[in-house]
Amino acid sequence: MKIRKHHVVLSTAVILVVVQLSLAGAFLADAAQTNGAYDALTSHRVAVPGQLLGCAFTGRRAATHVCRFAYNYQGLSFSFLLPYGEQSTAVVDPNDPSIRMPEVNFQGGPTTIVGDLVFSSCLIAGAILVGVLHAVHRRRRTQTTRRHATVPGYRH
């Protein structure tokens, strides 16, 4: 069986669209999950002070100074990496202690949702663009094939 060029182009376009839409769905799901956690913490929360475990520089060229803080709440231990100098308090949902975040992130609102929505929008726009470009490619290919086709016995 001979694989034709248009089959390869179609397969590539379909794969690109499926991958982009899958990633967009993952970013939208993450935004919904983050928003749910933020809403739960907005309704009821407990401030939990943290203990500094240590600080370090990450990366080589664009070094960032971060510190790890440990927290204990209702027998559960967890930790966060925070930029050097940030508050070491976490907010925890007393009804579900698995929902928690650093207070500095909580005070800023659900900013990670904005990034998720921007990435998912870009991926959806990219999927649409791939589909449109593929349709334009197919239309041009069809028009070129029709132009070059000759009908026997027909003269201009």
Protein backbone atom coordinates (compact mmCIF):
# COMPACT_ATOMS: atom_id res chain seq x y z
CA MET A 1 0.00 0.00 0.00
CA LYS A 2 1.39 3.35 -1.04
CA ILE A 3 1.22 6.21 1.47
CA ARG A 4 0.37 9.44 -0.27
CA LYS A 5 1.51 12.89 0.72
CA HIS A 6 -2.03 14.10 1.47
CA HIS A 7 -2.54 11.18 3.89
CA VAL A 8 0.57 12.24 5.80
CA VAL A 9 -0.59 15.86 5.88
CA LEU A 10 -4.07 14.86 7.06
CA SER A 11 -2.70 12.52 9.74
CA THR A 12 -0.32 15.20 11.00
CA ALA A 13 -3.11 17.78 11.14
CA VAL A 14 -5.41 15.40 13.04
CA ILE A 15 -2.66 14.49 15.52
CA LEU A 16 -1.81 18.17 16.12
CA VAL A 17 -5.45 19.08 16.73
CA VAL A 18 -6.01 16.14 19.11
CA VAL A 19 -2.84 16.91 21.10
CA GLN A 20 -3.64 20.62 21.33
CA LEU A 21 -7.23 20.03 22.42
CA SER A 22 -6.11 17.40 24.97
CA LEU A 23 -3.61 19.81 26.50
CA ALA A 24 -6.21 22.60 26.51
CA GLY A 25 -8.59 20.28 28.37
CA ALA A 26 -5.91 19.50 30.93
CA PHE A 27 -5.24 23.20 31.54
CA LEU A 28 -8.98 23.89 31.88
CA ALA A 29 -9.34 21.01 34.36
CA ASP A 30 -6.41 22.38 36.37
CA ALA A 31 -8.00 25.84 36.42
CA ALA A 32 -11.29 24.37 37.67
CA GLN A 33 -9.48 22.39 40.38
CA THR A 34 -7.51 25.45 41.51
CA ASN A 35 -10.66 27.54 41.52
CA GLY A 36 -12.44 24.91 43.65
CA ALA A 37 -9.62 24.90 46.19
CA TYR A 38 -9.58 28.68 46.32
CA ASP A 39 -13.36 28.80 46.82
CA ALA A 40 -13.13 26.26 49.66
CA LEU A 41 -10.42 28.30 51.37
CA THR A 42 -12.37 31.51 50.88
CA SER A 43 -15.38 30.01 52.67
CA HIS A 44 -13.49 28.74 55.70
CA ARG A 45 -9.81 28.62 56.45
CA VAL A 46 -7.33 28.32 59.28
CA ALA A 47 -3.95 30.06 59.28
CA VAL A 48 -1.11 27.64 60.09
CA PRO A 49 2.37 29.02 60.90
CA GLY A 50 5.32 27.31 59.29
CA GLN A 51 8.82 26.43 60.35
CA LEU A 52 11.76 27.35 58.11
CA LEU A 53 13.62 24.24 56.93
CA GLY A 54 16.21 26.05 54.84
CA CYS A 55 16.86 28.31 51.88
CA ALA A 56 18.80 27.78 48.67
CA PHE A 57 19.52 29.28 45.29
CA THR A 58 18.02 27.44 42.34
CA GLY A 59 19.30 27.56 38.79
CA ARG A 60 22.64 28.80 37.55
CA ARG A 61 22.10 31.89 35.43
CA ALA A 62 18.76 33.22 36.64
CA ALA A 63 19.22 32.18 40.23
CA THR A 64 16.18 32.34 42.49
CA HIS A 65 16.43 32.39 46.25
CA VAL A 66 13.73 30.10 47.71
CA CYS A 67 12.97 28.72 51.15
CA ARG A 68 11.17 25.55 52.19
CA PHE A 69 8.71 25.82 55.04
CA ALA A 70 7.12 22.88 56.86
CA TYR A 71 3.63 22.94 58.31
CA ASN A 72 1.72 20.65 60.68
CA TYR A 73 -2.07 20.65 60.93
CA GLN A 74 -4.27 17.98 62.57
CA GLY A 75 -1.46 15.44 62.43
CA LEU A 76 -0.70 16.11 58.75
CA SER A 77 2.66 17.44 57.60
CA PHE A 78 3.21 19.31 54.36
CA SER A 79 5.63 21.86 52.97
CA PHE A 80 5.85 24.65 50.40
CA LEU A 81 8.67 26.37 48.55
CA LEU A 82 8.31 30.12 48.86
CA PRO A 83 10.42 32.97 47.50
CA TYR A 84 12.92 34.28 50.01
CA GLY A 85 11.33 36.84 52.35
CA GLU A 86 7.72 35.72 51.83
CA GLN A 87 5.42 34.93 54.72
CA SER A 88 5.67 31.45 56.14
CA THR A 89 1.96 31.00 56.85
CA ALA A 90 -0.29 28.53 55.06
CA VAL A 91 -4.08 28.56 54.88
CA VAL A 92 -5.82 25.21 55.30
CA ASP A 93 -9.45 24.18 54.90
CA PRO A 94 -10.42 22.68 58.28
CA ASN A 95 -13.10 20.52 56.62
CA ASP A 96 -10.60 19.03 54.14
CA PRO A 97 -6.95 19.58 55.18
CA SER A 98 -5.76 18.35 51.78
CA ILE A 99 -6.91 21.75 50.44
CA ARG A 100 -4.18 24.22 51.33
CA MET A 101 -1.94 26.89 49.88
CA PRO A 102 0.62 29.44 51.01
CA GLU A 103 -1.02 32.57 52.39
CA VAL A 104 0.88 34.76 49.92
CA ASN A 105 -0.76 32.88 47.01
CA PHE A 106 -4.16 32.99 48.70
CA GLN A 107 -3.97 36.76 49.22
CA GLY A 108 -3.13 37.30 45.56
CA GLY A 109 -6.24 35.42 44.46
CA PRO A 110 -6.29 32.46 42.13
CA THR A 111 -3.62 33.86 39.78
CA THR A 112 -2.63 30.42 38.49
CA ILE A 113 -6.06 30.17 36.89
CA VAL A 114 -5.21 33.08 34.60
CA GLY A 115 -2.15 31.25 33.25
CA ASP A 116 -4.14 28.05 32.75
CA LEU A 117 -6.85 29.93 30.87
CA VAL A 118 -4.32 31.75 28.68
CA PHE A 119 -2.51 28.50 27.78
CA SER A 120 -5.76 26.66 27.07
CA SER A 121 -7.03 29.54 24.92
CA CYS A 122 -3.80 29.56 22.93
CA LEU A 123 -3.98 25.80 22.43
CA ILE A 124 -7.61 25.96 21.28
CA ALA A 125 -6.75 28.81 18.90
CA GLY A 126 -3.82 26.75 17.62
CA ALA A 127 -6.08 23.75 17.00
CA ILE A 128 -8.50 25.96 15.06
CA LEU A 129 -5.60 27.44 13.08
CA VAL A 130 -4.29 23.97 12.17
CA GLY A 131 -7.77 22.99 10.99
CA VAL A 132 -8.17 26.15 8.92
CA LEU A 133 -4.71 25.83 7.37
CA HIS A 134 -5.40 22.21 6.50
CA ALA A 135 -8.72 23.15 4.86
CA VAL A 136 -7.00 25.92 2.86
CA HIS A 137 -4.27 23.47 1.81
CA ARG A 138 -6.85 20.92 0.65
CA ARG A 139 -8.84 23.57 -1.27
CA ARG A 140 -5.72 24.82 -3.08
CA ARG A 141 -4.64 21.26 -3.85
CA THR A 142 -8.09 20.46 -5.27
CA GLN A 143 -8.16 23.65 -7.37
CA THR A 144 -4.66 22.96 -8.72
CA THR A 145 -5.63 19.40 -9.64
CA ARG A 146 -8.78 20.61 -11.42
CA ARG A 147 -6.86 23.29 -13.33
CA HIS A 148 -4.33 20.82 -14.67
CA ALA A 149 -6.88 18.19 -15.59
CA THR A 150 -7.75 18.18 -19.28
CA VAL A 151 -10.85 16.85 -20.90
CA PRO A 152 -10.17 14.89 -24.12
CA GLY A 153 -11.55 16.60 -27.19
CA TYR A 154 -12.15 19.96 -25.47
CA ARG A 155 -10.41 23.09 -26.74
CA HIS A 156 -10.45 26.62 -25.40
